[in-house]
């Protein structure tokens, strides 16, 4: 089980208020924060929402060209991976709350997690993972999530962000991080053996958060 946050730094606050995001077409979305403790609060974090996100993540892993996982995770492994520290889920519309019974395939726009990239004395450096509902792509949801990540990560106590593997065959992701002012801090040749693409190199991105 991973770390739930920085071990050598105190958070600046607790994120409890949803954030309203504006997408490229002018529509709004509500980003809802979830801490690990919310896994026990099924009224705030409906189990069917977790199930939906697990299905979306498994679909992305099975594509084999963005995440390094060779096989989809078990449900338990996914919950620890995505909800083990802090995550956020973007729902369609304004002032929305996650309610059991919602049609998640229509309401969920995307999600991301924030957690330490390293252990112990380096745990103030965070990493994020991003996932856009495959039915909702093409409206700059990913960039909206990225902007929110830069706002919320420092509140959680992180001072630097590292993205370890952004494959060069993922130009949409590369453009987001370039546009949001991330530095290209490294390149790893032939690090990925991606489905249908063979050996692929990856860019490491980094950005100061404070």
C-alpha atoms as a PDB file:
ATOM      1  CA  UNK A   1       0.000   0.000   0.000  1.00  0.00           C
ATOM      2  CA  UNK A   2       1.410   3.404  -0.963  1.00  0.00           C
ATOM      3  CA  UNK A   3       1.836   6.598   0.992  1.00  0.00           C
ATOM      4  CA  UNK A   4      -1.236   8.771   1.548  1.00  0.00           C
ATOM      5  CA  UNK A   5       0.704  12.037   1.285  1.00  0.00           C
ATOM      6  CA  UNK A   6       3.999  13.819   1.958  1.00  0.00           C
ATOM      7  CA  UNK A   7       5.774  12.498   5.057  1.00  0.00           C
ATOM      8  CA  UNK A   8       8.070  15.499   5.539  1.00  0.00           C
ATOM      9  CA  UNK A   9       5.619  18.320   4.778  1.00  0.00           C
ATOM     10  CA  UNK A  10       2.288  19.434   6.165  1.00  0.00           C
ATOM     11  CA  UNK A  11      -0.702  20.012   3.888  1.00  0.00           C
ATOM     12  CA  UNK A  12      -1.768  23.636   3.573  1.00  0.00           C
ATOM     13  CA  UNK A  13      -5.356  22.603   4.068  1.00  0.00           C
ATOM     14  CA  UNK A  14      -8.009  19.970   3.494  1.00  0.00           C
ATOM     15  CA  UNK A  15      -9.725  20.027   0.128  1.00  0.00           C
ATOM     16  CA  UNK A  16     -13.457  19.740   0.727  1.00  0.00           C
ATOM     17  CA  UNK A  17     -15.073  22.159  -1.714  1.00  0.00           C
ATOM     18  CA  UNK A  18     -15.735  20.981  -5.268  1.00  0.00           C
ATOM     19  CA  UNK A  19     -14.188  23.053  -8.055  1.00  0.00           C
ATOM     20  CA  UNK A  20     -16.153  24.264 -11.076  1.00  0.00           C
ATOM     21  CA  UNK A  21     -14.180  23.828 -14.300  1.00  0.00           C
ATOM     22  CA  UNK A  22     -14.911  25.324 -17.717  1.00  0.00           C
ATOM     23  CA  UNK A  23     -14.307  23.142 -20.755  1.00  0.00           C
ATOM     24  CA  UNK A  24     -13.330  24.210 -24.256  1.00  0.00           C
ATOM     25  CA  UNK A  25     -16.934  24.388 -25.503  1.00  0.00           C
ATOM     26  CA  UNK A  26     -17.948  26.606 -22.568  1.00  0.00           C
ATOM     27  CA  UNK A  27     -19.748  23.857 -20.675  1.00  0.00           C
ATOM     28  CA  UNK A  28     -19.121  23.370 -16.967  1.00  0.00           C
ATOM     29  CA  UNK A  29     -18.041  20.440 -14.870  1.00  0.00           C
ATOM     30  CA  UNK A  30     -17.820  19.905 -11.128  1.00  0.00           C
ATOM     31  CA  UNK A  31     -14.604  18.380  -9.780  1.00  0.00           C
ATOM     32  CA  UNK A  32     -15.242  16.469  -6.552  1.00  0.00           C
ATOM     33  CA  UNK A  33     -12.344  15.697  -4.163  1.00  0.00           C
ATOM     34  CA  UNK A  34     -11.960  12.261  -2.577  1.00  0.00           C
ATOM     35  CA  UNK A  35      -9.522  11.221   0.128  1.00  0.00           C
ATOM     36  CA  UNK A  36      -8.733   7.624   0.986  1.00  0.00           C
ATOM     37  CA  UNK A  37     -11.059   7.807   3.993  1.00  0.00           C
ATOM     38  CA  UNK A  38     -14.028   8.350   1.695  1.00  0.00           C
ATOM     39  CA  UNK A  39     -13.850   4.708   0.606  1.00  0.00           C
ATOM     40  CA  UNK A  40     -15.730   3.995   3.832  1.00  0.00           C
ATOM     41  CA  UNK A  41     -18.377   6.659   3.114  1.00  0.00           C
ATOM     42  CA  UNK A  42     -20.572   5.122   0.444  1.00  0.00           C
ATOM     43  CA  UNK A  43     -22.997   8.056   0.589  1.00  0.00           C
ATOM     44  CA  UNK A  44     -20.200  10.405  -0.553  1.00  0.00           C
ATOM     45  CA  UNK A  45     -18.348   7.949  -2.799  1.00  0.00           C
ATOM     46  CA  UNK A  46     -20.901   5.572  -4.341  1.00  0.00           C
ATOM     47  CA  UNK A  47     -19.552   2.049  -4.952  1.00  0.00           C
ATOM     48  CA  UNK A  48     -20.951   2.085  -8.484  1.00  0.00           C
ATOM     49  CA  UNK A  49     -18.804   5.141  -9.257  1.00  0.00           C
ATOM     50  CA  UNK A  50     -15.728   3.207  -8.155  1.00  0.00           C
ATOM     51  CA  UNK A  51     -16.873   0.306 -10.335  1.00  0.00           C
ATOM     52  CA  UNK A  52     -17.258   2.604 -13.341  1.00  0.00           C
ATOM     53  CA  UNK A  53     -13.809   4.125 -12.896  1.00  0.00           C
ATOM     54  CA  UNK A  54     -12.337   0.645 -12.509  1.00  0.00           C
ATOM     55  CA  UNK A  55     -13.901  -0.330 -15.826  1.00  0.00           C
ATOM     56  CA  UNK A  56     -12.559   2.779 -17.563  1.00  0.00           C
ATOM     57  CA  UNK A  57      -9.073   2.228 -16.178  1.00  0.00           C
ATOM     58  CA  UNK A  58      -9.111  -1.452 -17.154  1.00  0.00           C
ATOM     59  CA  UNK A  59     -10.149  -0.457 -20.665  1.00  0.00           C
ATOM     60  CA  UNK A  60      -7.255   2.003 -20.890  1.00  0.00           C
ATOM     61  CA  UNK A  61      -4.742  -0.542 -19.600  1.00  0.00           C
ATOM     62  CA  UNK A  62      -6.027  -3.137 -22.052  1.00  0.00           C
ATOM     63  CA  UNK A  63      -5.356  -0.695 -24.923  1.00  0.00           C
ATOM     64  CA  UNK A  64      -1.713  -1.050 -23.969  1.00  0.00           C
ATOM     65  CA  UNK A  65      -0.438   2.314 -25.195  1.00  0.00           C
ATOM     66  CA  UNK A  66      -0.652   4.877 -22.359  1.00  0.00           C
ATOM     67  CA  UNK A  67      -0.124   3.125 -19.008  1.00  0.00           C
ATOM     68  CA  UNK A  68       2.829   0.792 -18.315  1.00  0.00           C
ATOM     69  CA  UNK A  69       0.700  -1.986 -16.804  1.00  0.00           C
ATOM     70  CA  UNK A  70       0.872  -5.253 -18.723  1.00  0.00           C
ATOM     71  CA  UNK A  71      -2.506  -6.500 -17.472  1.00  0.00           C
ATOM     72  CA  UNK A  72      -5.528  -4.851 -15.831  1.00  0.00           C
ATOM     73  CA  UNK A  73      -5.415  -4.650 -12.049  1.00  0.00           C
ATOM     74  CA  UNK A  74      -7.776  -6.494  -9.764  1.00  0.00           C
ATOM     75  CA  UNK A  75     -10.556  -4.354  -8.278  1.00  0.00           C
ATOM     76  CA  UNK A  76      -8.736  -4.237  -4.930  1.00  0.00           C
ATOM     77  CA  UNK A  77      -5.458  -3.265  -6.594  1.00  0.00           C
ATOM     78  CA  UNK A  78      -7.175  -0.517  -8.564  1.00  0.00           C
ATOM     79  CA  UNK A  79      -8.831   0.958  -5.476  1.00  0.00           C
ATOM     80  CA  UNK A  80      -5.461   1.134  -3.716  1.00  0.00           C
ATOM     81  CA  UNK A  81      -3.777   2.531  -6.840  1.00  0.00           C
ATOM     82  CA  UNK A  82      -6.329   5.243  -7.631  1.00  0.00           C
ATOM     83  CA  UNK A  83      -7.911   6.027  -4.258  1.00  0.00           C
ATOM     84  CA  UNK A  84      -4.935   5.267  -1.999  1.00  0.00           C
ATOM     85  CA  UNK A  85      -4.086   8.919  -1.322  1.00  0.00           C
ATOM     86  CA  UNK A  86      -6.218  11.583  -3.024  1.00  0.00           C
ATOM     87  CA  UNK A  87      -8.210  11.647  -6.212  1.00  0.00           C
ATOM     88  CA  UNK A  88     -10.752  13.853  -7.940  1.00  0.00           C
ATOM     89  CA  UNK A  89     -13.632  13.029 -10.262  1.00  0.00           C
ATOM     90  CA  UNK A  90     -15.063  15.510 -12.758  1.00  0.00           C
ATOM     91  CA  UNK A  91     -18.822  15.267 -13.286  1.00  0.00           C
ATOM     92  CA  UNK A  92     -20.871  16.992 -15.953  1.00  0.00           C
ATOM     93  CA  UNK A  93     -22.615  20.238 -14.944  1.00  0.00           C
ATOM     94  CA  UNK A  94     -22.370  22.627 -12.012  1.00  0.00           C
ATOM     95  CA  UNK A  95     -22.796  21.970  -8.297  1.00  0.00           C
ATOM     96  CA  UNK A  96     -23.123  18.265  -8.905  1.00  0.00           C
ATOM     97  CA  UNK A  97     -22.657  15.637  -6.227  1.00  0.00           C
ATOM     98  CA  UNK A  98     -21.988  11.960  -6.773  1.00  0.00           C
ATOM     99  CA  UNK A  99     -25.201  10.078  -6.065  1.00  0.00           C
ATOM    100  CA  UNK A 100     -25.790   6.347  -6.276  1.00  0.00           C
ATOM    101  CA  UNK A 101     -27.883   5.525  -9.310  1.00  0.00           C
ATOM    102  CA  UNK A 102     -26.432   8.146 -11.643  1.00  0.00           C
ATOM    103  CA  UNK A 103     -25.549   7.040 -15.174  1.00  0.00           C
ATOM    104  CA  UNK A 104     -21.809   7.365 -14.733  1.00  0.00           C
ATOM    105  CA  UNK A 105     -21.047   6.720 -18.384  1.00  0.00           C
ATOM    106  CA  UNK A 106     -22.948   9.954 -19.146  1.00  0.00           C
ATOM    107  CA  UNK A 107     -21.992  12.013 -16.078  1.00  0.00           C
ATOM    108  CA  UNK A 108     -18.293  11.268 -15.494  1.00  0.00           C
ATOM    109  CA  UNK A 109     -15.974  13.380 -17.634  1.00  0.00           C
ATOM    110  CA  UNK A 110     -12.658  12.312 -16.142  1.00  0.00           C
ATOM    111  CA  UNK A 111     -10.586  11.702 -13.046  1.00  0.00           C
ATOM    112  CA  UNK A 112      -7.057  11.964 -11.660  1.00  0.00           C
ATOM    113  CA  UNK A 113      -5.100  10.960  -8.586  1.00  0.00           C
ATOM    114  CA  UNK A 114      -2.308  12.704  -6.686  1.00  0.00           C
ATOM    115  CA  UNK A 115       0.177  10.761  -4.569  1.00  0.00           C
ATOM    116  CA  UNK A 116       3.873  10.763  -3.661  1.00  0.00           C
ATOM    117  CA  UNK A 117       6.226   9.844  -6.484  1.00  0.00           C
ATOM    118  CA  UNK A 118       8.920   8.785  -4.006  1.00  0.00           C
ATOM    119  CA  UNK A 119       9.022   7.541  -0.421  1.00  0.00           C
ATOM    120  CA  UNK A 120      10.095   9.158   2.834  1.00  0.00           C
ATOM    121  CA  UNK A 121      12.357  12.174   2.535  1.00  0.00           C
ATOM    122  CA  UNK A 122      11.379  12.680  -1.091  1.00  0.00           C
ATOM    123  CA  UNK A 123       7.628  12.185  -0.678  1.00  0.00           C
ATOM    124  CA  UNK A 124       6.889  15.910  -1.144  1.00  0.00           C
ATOM    125  CA  UNK A 125       7.369  15.269  -4.871  1.00  0.00           C
ATOM    126  CA  UNK A 126       4.074  14.077  -6.315  1.00  0.00           C
ATOM    127  CA  UNK A 127       2.892  12.110  -9.288  1.00  0.00           C
ATOM    128  CA  UNK A 128      -0.488  12.148 -10.974  1.00  0.00           C
ATOM    129  CA  UNK A 129      -2.437   9.752 -13.124  1.00  0.00           C
ATOM    130  CA  UNK A 130      -5.175  10.977 -15.460  1.00  0.00           C
ATOM    131  CA  UNK A 131      -8.107   9.270 -17.130  1.00  0.00           C
ATOM    132  CA  UNK A 132     -10.776  10.752 -19.405  1.00  0.00           C
ATOM    133  CA  UNK A 133     -14.064   8.952 -20.011  1.00  0.00           C
ATOM    134  CA  UNK A 134     -13.515   7.479 -23.476  1.00  0.00           C
ATOM    135  CA  UNK A 135     -16.960   8.738 -24.528  1.00  0.00           C
ATOM    136  CA  UNK A 136     -16.092  12.322 -23.555  1.00  0.00           C
ATOM    137  CA  UNK A 137     -12.834  12.972 -25.377  1.00  0.00           C
ATOM    138  CA  UNK A 138     -12.239  15.932 -27.664  1.00  0.00           C
ATOM    139  CA  UNK A 139     -13.368  18.741 -25.317  1.00  0.00           C
ATOM    140  CA  UNK A 140     -10.068  19.440 -23.514  1.00  0.00           C
ATOM    141  CA  UNK A 141     -11.164  17.534 -20.414  1.00  0.00           C
ATOM    142  CA  UNK A 142      -7.569  16.413 -19.894  1.00  0.00           C
ATOM    143  CA  UNK A 143      -6.221  19.962 -19.868  1.00  0.00           C
ATOM    144  CA  UNK A 144      -8.957  21.082 -17.449  1.00  0.00           C
ATOM    145  CA  UNK A 145      -7.972  18.247 -15.120  1.00  0.00           C
ATOM    146  CA  UNK A 146      -4.313  19.235 -15.468  1.00  0.00           C
ATOM    147  CA  UNK A 147      -5.031  22.827 -14.427  1.00  0.00           C
ATOM    148  CA  UNK A 148      -6.900  21.584 -11.376  1.00  0.00           C
ATOM    149  CA  UNK A 149      -4.033  19.252 -10.487  1.00  0.00           C
ATOM    150  CA  UNK A 150      -1.685  22.248 -10.382  1.00  0.00           C
ATOM    151  CA  UNK A 151      -4.082  24.036  -8.022  1.00  0.00           C
ATOM    152  CA  UNK A 152      -4.791  21.184  -5.631  1.00  0.00           C
ATOM    153  CA  UNK A 153      -1.409  19.422  -5.422  1.00  0.00           C
ATOM    154  CA  UNK A 154       0.278  22.296  -3.491  1.00  0.00           C
ATOM    155  CA  UNK A 155      -2.623  22.389  -1.020  1.00  0.00           C
ATOM    156  CA  UNK A 156      -1.890  18.730  -0.264  1.00  0.00           C
ATOM    157  CA  UNK A 157       1.686  19.683   0.680  1.00  0.00           C
ATOM    158  CA  UNK A 158       3.555  18.839  -2.509  1.00  0.00           C
ATOM    159  CA  UNK A 159       6.231  21.182  -3.861  1.00  0.00           C
ATOM    160  CA  UNK A 160       7.174  19.493  -7.142  1.00  0.00           C
ATOM    161  CA  UNK A 161       5.428  17.255  -9.660  1.00  0.00           C
ATOM    162  CA  UNK A 162       7.043  14.457 -11.662  1.00  0.00           C
ATOM    163  CA  UNK A 163       5.421  12.526 -14.490  1.00  0.00           C
ATOM    164  CA  UNK A 164       7.666   9.529 -15.035  1.00  0.00           C
ATOM    165  CA  UNK A 165       6.448   8.110 -18.328  1.00  0.00           C
ATOM    166  CA  UNK A 166       4.659  10.141 -20.976  1.00  0.00           C
ATOM    167  CA  UNK A 167       5.096   8.032 -24.077  1.00  0.00           C
ATOM    168  CA  UNK A 168       6.125   9.836 -27.249  1.00  0.00           C
ATOM    169  CA  UNK A 169       3.249   8.126 -29.051  1.00  0.00           C
ATOM    170  CA  UNK A 170       0.804  10.098 -26.847  1.00  0.00           C
ATOM    171  CA  UNK A 171       0.968  13.580 -28.423  1.00  0.00           C
ATOM    172  CA  UNK A 172      -2.245  14.772 -26.747  1.00  0.00           C
ATOM    173  CA  UNK A 173      -0.764  14.235 -23.284  1.00  0.00           C
ATOM    174  CA  UNK A 174       2.572  15.781 -24.286  1.00  0.00           C
ATOM    175  CA  UNK A 175       0.791  18.892 -25.574  1.00  0.00           C
ATOM    176  CA  UNK A 176      -1.132  19.302 -22.305  1.00  0.00           C
ATOM    177  CA  UNK A 177       1.998  19.307 -20.156  1.00  0.00           C
ATOM    178  CA  UNK A 178       3.914  21.529 -22.563  1.00  0.00           C
ATOM    179  CA  UNK A 179       1.009  24.001 -22.617  1.00  0.00           C
ATOM    180  CA  UNK A 180       0.734  24.002 -18.804  1.00  0.00           C
ATOM    181  CA  UNK A 181       4.374  24.959 -18.397  1.00  0.00           C
ATOM    182  CA  UNK A 182       5.949  21.659 -17.397  1.00  0.00           C
ATOM    183  CA  UNK A 183       9.655  21.170 -18.078  1.00  0.00           C
ATOM    184  CA  UNK A 184      10.950  18.210 -20.052  1.00  0.00           C
ATOM    185  CA  UNK A 185      13.381  16.935 -17.431  1.00  0.00           C
ATOM    186  CA  UNK A 186      14.380  13.709 -19.155  1.00  0.00           C
ATOM    187  CA  UNK A 187      13.863  11.204 -21.919  1.00  0.00           C
ATOM    188  CA  UNK A 188      14.009   7.440 -21.513  1.00  0.00           C
ATOM    189  CA  UNK A 189      14.784   5.643 -24.792  1.00  0.00           C
ATOM    190  CA  UNK A 190      12.697   2.587 -25.710  1.00  0.00           C
ATOM    191  CA  UNK A 191      11.281   2.332 -22.184  1.00  0.00           C
ATOM    192  CA  UNK A 192       7.891   1.003 -23.253  1.00  0.00           C
ATOM    193  CA  UNK A 193       6.916  -2.043 -25.267  1.00  0.00           C
ATOM    194  CA  UNK A 194       3.466  -0.847 -26.255  1.00  0.00           C
ATOM    195  CA  UNK A 195       0.674  -2.780 -27.878  1.00  0.00           C
ATOM    196  CA  UNK A 196       0.818  -2.354 -31.640  1.00  0.00           C
ATOM    197  CA  UNK A 197       3.721   0.096 -31.436  1.00  0.00           C
ATOM    198  CA  UNK A 198       6.712  -1.879 -30.219  1.00  0.00           C
ATOM    199  CA  UNK A 199       9.519  -0.106 -28.374  1.00  0.00           C
ATOM    200  CA  UNK A 200       8.614   3.496 -27.538  1.00  0.00           C
ATOM    201  CA  UNK A 201      10.557   6.217 -25.722  1.00  0.00           C
ATOM    202  CA  UNK A 202       9.028   8.407 -23.018  1.00  0.00           C
ATOM    203  CA  UNK A 203       9.435  11.955 -21.766  1.00  0.00           C
ATOM    204  CA  UNK A 204       9.734  12.772 -18.070  1.00  0.00           C
ATOM    205  CA  UNK A 205       7.958  15.999 -17.151  1.00  0.00           C
ATOM    206  CA  UNK A 206       8.523  18.071 -14.021  1.00  0.00           C
ATOM    207  CA  UNK A 207       7.172  21.310 -12.574  1.00  0.00           C
ATOM    208  CA  UNK A 208       7.682  23.423  -9.455  1.00  0.00           C
ATOM    209  CA  UNK A 209       4.416  23.745  -7.550  1.00  0.00           C
ATOM    210  CA  UNK A 210       5.374  26.546  -5.145  1.00  0.00           C
END
